[in-house]
């Protein structure tokens, strides 16, 4: 995957030795891809994105007993930016998270989690 220089300069983005992003779980790769797609679609500028992510990362508390991971900050920044740009609302995001949690708990281990269209 070849990333534009602006993406590579994203604050604290974990990169491998070839300059590609590093993900621990599939959801991290998905939110990364959604962010790039939203930017490419003109939802926000990369400067707006970097500012949003930077603000999330700056909020790290070094004394926090359970610090958030990098992509947790990424997701929070993405959701806040989408809300600020009126692409979605906080209520819609909360409903989707609830639907996801319910679907995840109802899905047998090892099976793909599926959201039903009526739930979102």
C-alpha atoms as a PDB file:
ATOM      1  CA  UNK A   1       0.000   0.000   0.000  1.00  0.00           C
ATOM      2  CA  UNK A   2       1.481   3.336  -1.036  1.00  0.00           C
ATOM      3  CA  UNK A   3       0.347   6.172   1.192  1.00  0.00           C
ATOM      4  CA  UNK A   4       0.361   9.843   0.247  1.00  0.00           C
ATOM      5  CA  UNK A   5       2.974  11.886   2.137  1.00  0.00           C
ATOM      6  CA  UNK A   6       0.227  13.717   4.045  1.00  0.00           C
ATOM      7  CA  UNK A   7      -1.025  10.402   5.436  1.00  0.00           C
ATOM      8  CA  UNK A   8       2.488   9.315   6.395  1.00  0.00           C
ATOM      9  CA  UNK A   9       2.898  12.547   8.372  1.00  0.00           C
ATOM     10  CA  UNK A  10      -0.210  11.883  10.469  1.00  0.00           C
ATOM     11  CA  UNK A  11       0.663  12.299  14.164  1.00  0.00           C
ATOM     12  CA  UNK A  12       2.101   9.099  15.698  1.00  0.00           C
ATOM     13  CA  UNK A  13       0.811   6.857  12.868  1.00  0.00           C
ATOM     14  CA  UNK A  14       2.366   3.415  13.436  1.00  0.00           C
ATOM     15  CA  UNK A  15       4.242   2.438  10.251  1.00  0.00           C
ATOM     16  CA  UNK A  16       6.112  -0.702   9.310  1.00  0.00           C
ATOM     17  CA  UNK A  17       9.636  -0.656   7.858  1.00  0.00           C
ATOM     18  CA  UNK A  18       8.207  -0.181   4.341  1.00  0.00           C
ATOM     19  CA  UNK A  19       6.156   2.857   5.393  1.00  0.00           C
ATOM     20  CA  UNK A  20       2.787   1.091   5.494  1.00  0.00           C
ATOM     21  CA  UNK A  21       0.350   1.385   8.385  1.00  0.00           C
ATOM     22  CA  UNK A  22       0.374  -1.225  11.143  1.00  0.00           C
ATOM     23  CA  UNK A  23      -2.920  -2.633  12.461  1.00  0.00           C
ATOM     24  CA  UNK A  24      -3.474  -4.984  15.404  1.00  0.00           C
ATOM     25  CA  UNK A  25      -7.080  -5.834  14.566  1.00  0.00           C
ATOM     26  CA  UNK A  26      -9.338  -5.642  11.493  1.00  0.00           C
ATOM     27  CA  UNK A  27     -11.437  -2.757  12.854  1.00  0.00           C
ATOM     28  CA  UNK A  28      -8.315  -0.560  12.946  1.00  0.00           C
ATOM     29  CA  UNK A  29      -7.737  -1.133   9.229  1.00  0.00           C
ATOM     30  CA  UNK A  30     -11.415  -0.443   8.516  1.00  0.00           C
ATOM     31  CA  UNK A  31     -11.528   2.894  10.338  1.00  0.00           C
ATOM     32  CA  UNK A  32      -8.249   3.865   8.673  1.00  0.00           C
ATOM     33  CA  UNK A  33      -9.727   3.069   5.244  1.00  0.00           C
ATOM     34  CA  UNK A  34     -12.992   4.891   6.019  1.00  0.00           C
ATOM     35  CA  UNK A  35     -11.020   7.975   7.050  1.00  0.00           C
ATOM     36  CA  UNK A  36      -9.055   7.958   3.789  1.00  0.00           C
ATOM     37  CA  UNK A  37     -12.251   7.470   1.778  1.00  0.00           C
ATOM     38  CA  UNK A  38     -14.014  10.326   3.580  1.00  0.00           C
ATOM     39  CA  UNK A  39     -11.033  12.592   2.918  1.00  0.00           C
ATOM     40  CA  UNK A  40     -10.868  11.568  -0.749  1.00  0.00           C
ATOM     41  CA  UNK A  41     -14.616  12.248  -1.044  1.00  0.00           C
ATOM     42  CA  UNK A  42     -14.025  15.803   0.174  1.00  0.00           C
ATOM     43  CA  UNK A  43     -15.728  15.436   3.548  1.00  0.00           C
ATOM     44  CA  UNK A  44     -12.732  17.103   5.229  1.00  0.00           C
ATOM     45  CA  UNK A  45      -9.243  18.317   4.386  1.00  0.00           C
ATOM     46  CA  UNK A  46      -6.192  16.456   5.613  1.00  0.00           C
ATOM     47  CA  UNK A  47      -5.304  19.496   7.732  1.00  0.00           C
ATOM     48  CA  UNK A  48      -8.698  19.227   9.439  1.00  0.00           C
ATOM     49  CA  UNK A  49      -8.079  15.527  10.005  1.00  0.00           C
ATOM     50  CA  UNK A  50      -4.597  16.055  11.444  1.00  0.00           C
ATOM     51  CA  UNK A  51      -5.954  18.761  13.759  1.00  0.00           C
ATOM     52  CA  UNK A  52      -8.792  16.502  14.954  1.00  0.00           C
ATOM     53  CA  UNK A  53      -6.500  13.526  15.560  1.00  0.00           C
ATOM     54  CA  UNK A  54      -3.861  15.729  17.159  1.00  0.00           C
ATOM     55  CA  UNK A  55      -6.429  17.068  19.623  1.00  0.00           C
ATOM     56  CA  UNK A  56      -7.430  13.507  20.550  1.00  0.00           C
ATOM     57  CA  UNK A  57      -3.831  12.427  21.013  1.00  0.00           C
ATOM     58  CA  UNK A  58      -3.050  15.530  23.071  1.00  0.00           C
ATOM     59  CA  UNK A  59      -5.782  14.484  25.486  1.00  0.00           C
ATOM     60  CA  UNK A  60      -3.790  11.397  26.526  1.00  0.00           C
ATOM     61  CA  UNK A  61      -3.383  11.239  30.280  1.00  0.00           C
ATOM     62  CA  UNK A  62      -0.078   9.624  31.188  1.00  0.00           C
ATOM     63  CA  UNK A  63      -1.555   8.696  34.573  1.00  0.00           C
ATOM     64  CA  UNK A  64      -4.551   6.885  33.076  1.00  0.00           C
ATOM     65  CA  UNK A  65      -4.715   3.279  34.321  1.00  0.00           C
ATOM     66  CA  UNK A  66      -6.175   2.090  30.990  1.00  0.00           C
ATOM     67  CA  UNK A  67      -4.847   4.391  28.284  1.00  0.00           C
ATOM     68  CA  UNK A  68      -6.541   4.312  24.923  1.00  0.00           C
ATOM     69  CA  UNK A  69      -4.791   2.764  21.967  1.00  0.00           C
ATOM     70  CA  UNK A  70      -3.762   4.789  18.949  1.00  0.00           C
ATOM     71  CA  UNK A  71      -6.683   3.667  16.797  1.00  0.00           C
ATOM     72  CA  UNK A  72      -9.153   4.297  19.640  1.00  0.00           C
ATOM     73  CA  UNK A  73      -8.022   7.924  19.405  1.00  0.00           C
ATOM     74  CA  UNK A  74      -8.263   7.690  15.620  1.00  0.00           C
ATOM     75  CA  UNK A  75     -11.863   6.441  15.834  1.00  0.00           C
ATOM     76  CA  UNK A  76     -12.830   9.158  18.334  1.00  0.00           C
ATOM     77  CA  UNK A  77     -11.305  11.847  16.109  1.00  0.00           C
ATOM     78  CA  UNK A  78     -13.072  10.438  13.036  1.00  0.00           C
ATOM     79  CA  UNK A  79     -16.455  10.345  14.783  1.00  0.00           C
ATOM     80  CA  UNK A  80     -16.056  13.888  16.135  1.00  0.00           C
ATOM     81  CA  UNK A  81     -15.047  15.211  12.727  1.00  0.00           C
ATOM     82  CA  UNK A  82     -17.995  13.496  11.009  1.00  0.00           C
ATOM     83  CA  UNK A  83     -20.322  14.945  13.633  1.00  0.00           C
ATOM     84  CA  UNK A  84     -18.803  18.424  13.330  1.00  0.00           C
ATOM     85  CA  UNK A  85     -19.164  18.243   9.529  1.00  0.00           C
ATOM     86  CA  UNK A  86     -22.800  17.111   9.984  1.00  0.00           C
ATOM     87  CA  UNK A  87     -22.215  13.861   8.095  1.00  0.00           C
ATOM     88  CA  UNK A  88     -23.756  12.030  11.038  1.00  0.00           C
ATOM     89  CA  UNK A  89     -25.087  12.854  14.454  1.00  0.00           C
ATOM     90  CA  UNK A  90     -23.978  11.740  17.879  1.00  0.00           C
ATOM     91  CA  UNK A  91     -27.328   9.969  18.342  1.00  0.00           C
ATOM     92  CA  UNK A  92     -26.849   7.999  15.122  1.00  0.00           C
ATOM     93  CA  UNK A  93     -23.368   6.958  16.208  1.00  0.00           C
ATOM     94  CA  UNK A  94     -24.644   5.877  19.641  1.00  0.00           C
ATOM     95  CA  UNK A  95     -27.428   3.814  18.039  1.00  0.00           C
ATOM     96  CA  UNK A  96     -24.969   2.138  15.692  1.00  0.00           C
ATOM     97  CA  UNK A  97     -22.598   1.312  18.560  1.00  0.00           C
ATOM     98  CA  UNK A  98     -25.499  -0.187  20.526  1.00  0.00           C
ATOM     99  CA  UNK A  99     -26.602  -2.257  17.527  1.00  0.00           C
ATOM    100  CA  UNK A 100     -23.028  -3.437  17.018  1.00  0.00           C
ATOM    101  CA  UNK A 101     -22.658  -4.430  20.676  1.00  0.00           C
ATOM    102  CA  UNK A 102     -25.936  -6.369  20.569  1.00  0.00           C
ATOM    103  CA  UNK A 103     -24.953  -8.136  17.348  1.00  0.00           C
ATOM    104  CA  UNK A 104     -21.490  -8.964  18.717  1.00  0.00           C
ATOM    105  CA  UNK A 105     -22.940 -10.482  21.892  1.00  0.00           C
ATOM    106  CA  UNK A 106     -25.463 -12.518  19.883  1.00  0.00           C
ATOM    107  CA  UNK A 107     -22.855 -13.891  17.458  1.00  0.00           C
ATOM    108  CA  UNK A 108     -21.163 -17.211  18.233  1.00  0.00           C
ATOM    109  CA  UNK A 109     -17.397 -16.996  18.664  1.00  0.00           C
ATOM    110  CA  UNK A 110     -15.566 -17.228  15.351  1.00  0.00           C
ATOM    111  CA  UNK A 111     -18.555 -16.240  13.244  1.00  0.00           C
ATOM    112  CA  UNK A 112     -18.757 -12.915  11.367  1.00  0.00           C
ATOM    113  CA  UNK A 113     -20.788 -10.219  13.095  1.00  0.00           C
ATOM    114  CA  UNK A 114     -23.625  -8.954  10.959  1.00  0.00           C
ATOM    115  CA  UNK A 115     -25.770  -5.895  11.550  1.00  0.00           C
ATOM    116  CA  UNK A 116     -29.293  -6.199  10.295  1.00  0.00           C
ATOM    117  CA  UNK A 117     -30.409  -3.227   8.177  1.00  0.00           C
ATOM    118  CA  UNK A 118     -33.396  -2.611  10.412  1.00  0.00           C
ATOM    119  CA  UNK A 119     -31.120  -2.134  13.434  1.00  0.00           C
ATOM    120  CA  UNK A 120     -29.070   0.736  12.017  1.00  0.00           C
END
